Protein backbone atom coordinates (compact mmCIF):
# COMPACT_ATOMS: atom_id res chain seq x y z
CA MET A 1 0.27 0.08 0.03
CA LYS A 2 1.77 3.17 -0.77
CA ILE A 3 1.88 5.68 1.95
CA ASN A 4 2.57 9.59 0.79
CA ILE A 5 3.41 12.03 3.51
CA TYR A 6 2.79 16.00 3.23
CA THR A 7 5.50 18.00 4.62
CA ILE A 8 7.51 21.28 4.84
CA PRO A 9 11.42 20.92 5.56
CA GLU A 10 11.59 23.06 8.89
CA CYS A 11 8.82 21.00 10.82
CA THR A 12 10.43 18.77 13.51
CA PHE A 13 7.06 16.40 13.42
CA CYS A 14 7.41 15.14 10.22
CA ALA A 15 11.39 14.93 11.00
CA LYS A 16 10.07 12.54 14.14
CA LEU A 17 7.52 10.72 11.87
CA LYS A 18 9.81 10.26 8.86
CA GLY A 19 12.43 8.72 11.41
CA LEU A 20 10.24 6.46 13.07
CA LEU A 21 9.07 4.94 9.19
CA ASP A 22 12.31 4.29 8.01
CA ASP A 23 13.30 3.01 11.93
CA ASP A 24 10.52 0.19 11.07
CA ASN A 25 11.07 -0.06 7.11
CA ILE A 26 7.78 1.49 6.58
CA GLU A 27 8.57 2.86 2.61
CA TYR A 28 6.45 6.03 1.85
CA ASP A 29 7.63 8.93 -0.64
CA ASP A 30 7.70 12.36 0.91
CA PHE A 31 6.43 15.63 -0.38
CA ASN A 32 7.55 18.80 0.45
CA ILE A 33 4.25 21.26 0.19
CA TYR A 34 6.54 24.45 -0.07
CA GLU A 35 7.27 22.40 -3.88
CA GLU A 36 4.43 24.39 -6.46
CA GLU A 37 4.21 20.79 -8.13
CA ASN A 38 3.36 19.48 -4.25
CA GLU A 39 0.89 22.47 -3.57
CA VAL A 40 -2.21 21.78 -5.28
CA MET A 41 -2.38 17.90 -3.56
CA PHE A 42 -2.23 19.57 -0.58
CA GLU A 43 -4.39 21.70 -1.10
CA LYS A 44 -7.05 19.05 -2.06
CA LEU A 45 -6.28 17.38 1.72
CA THR A 46 -6.75 20.31 2.97
CA ASP A 47 -10.28 20.73 1.46
CA LEU A 48 -11.29 16.88 2.34
CA SER A 49 -9.85 16.87 5.82
CA GLY A 50 -10.41 19.94 6.96
CA CYS A 51 -7.14 20.58 8.42
CA ASP A 52 -4.50 22.61 7.39
CA SER A 53 -1.53 20.92 9.21
CA VAL A 54 1.96 18.86 8.45
CA PRO A 55 2.45 16.06 8.36
CA MET A 56 -0.61 15.06 6.44
CA ILE A 57 -0.04 11.56 5.53
CA THR A 58 -2.60 9.55 3.09
CA VAL A 59 -1.96 5.63 2.89
CA GLY A 60 -3.52 4.16 -0.01
CA LYS A 61 -7.23 5.67 0.07
CA HIS A 62 -6.70 6.75 3.46
CA LEU A 63 -6.32 10.30 4.85
CA LEU A 64 -4.95 10.75 8.45
CA ALA A 65 -4.76 14.34 9.47
CA PRO A 66 -2.72 16.02 12.34
CA ASP A 67 -5.42 16.90 15.17
CA VAL A 68 -8.31 14.94 12.88
CA ASN A 69 -7.19 11.64 12.88
CA PHE A 70 -3.91 11.99 15.58
CA THR A 71 -2.97 14.12 18.27
CA SER A 72 0.49 12.59 18.23
CA ILE A 73 3.45 11.17 15.98
CA ASP A 74 3.77 8.05 17.48
CA GLN A 75 -0.02 7.59 17.21
CA ALA A 76 0.23 8.69 13.38
CA VAL A 77 2.77 5.88 12.43
CA GLU A 78 0.18 2.91 14.55
CA LEU A 79 -2.59 4.29 12.52
CA ILE A 80 0.04 3.90 9.15
CA LYS A 81 0.40 -0.07 11.05
CA HIS A 82 -3.30 -0.85 11.17
CA ILE A 83 -4.05 0.35 7.81
CA MET A 84 -0.87 -1.55 6.19
CA GLU A 85 -2.57 -5.09 7.95
């Protein structure tokens, strides 16, 4: 199942998420929302979730947004693992 993470370079939460996924050998694609080609998709995800924070995560067809679906990075990782089961 494909995992996409929408991040910004200075986000410590984004860095922690990527580090935990790397530790668990979970592959993902990282999209910097400051890059023009990623802005449109992030805006679509923002409209869907009602949240404009990062890290925004898609796992297959599932959308995980901060403060909507998870309140900590550890919880986000657990949700990702659960969806992938």
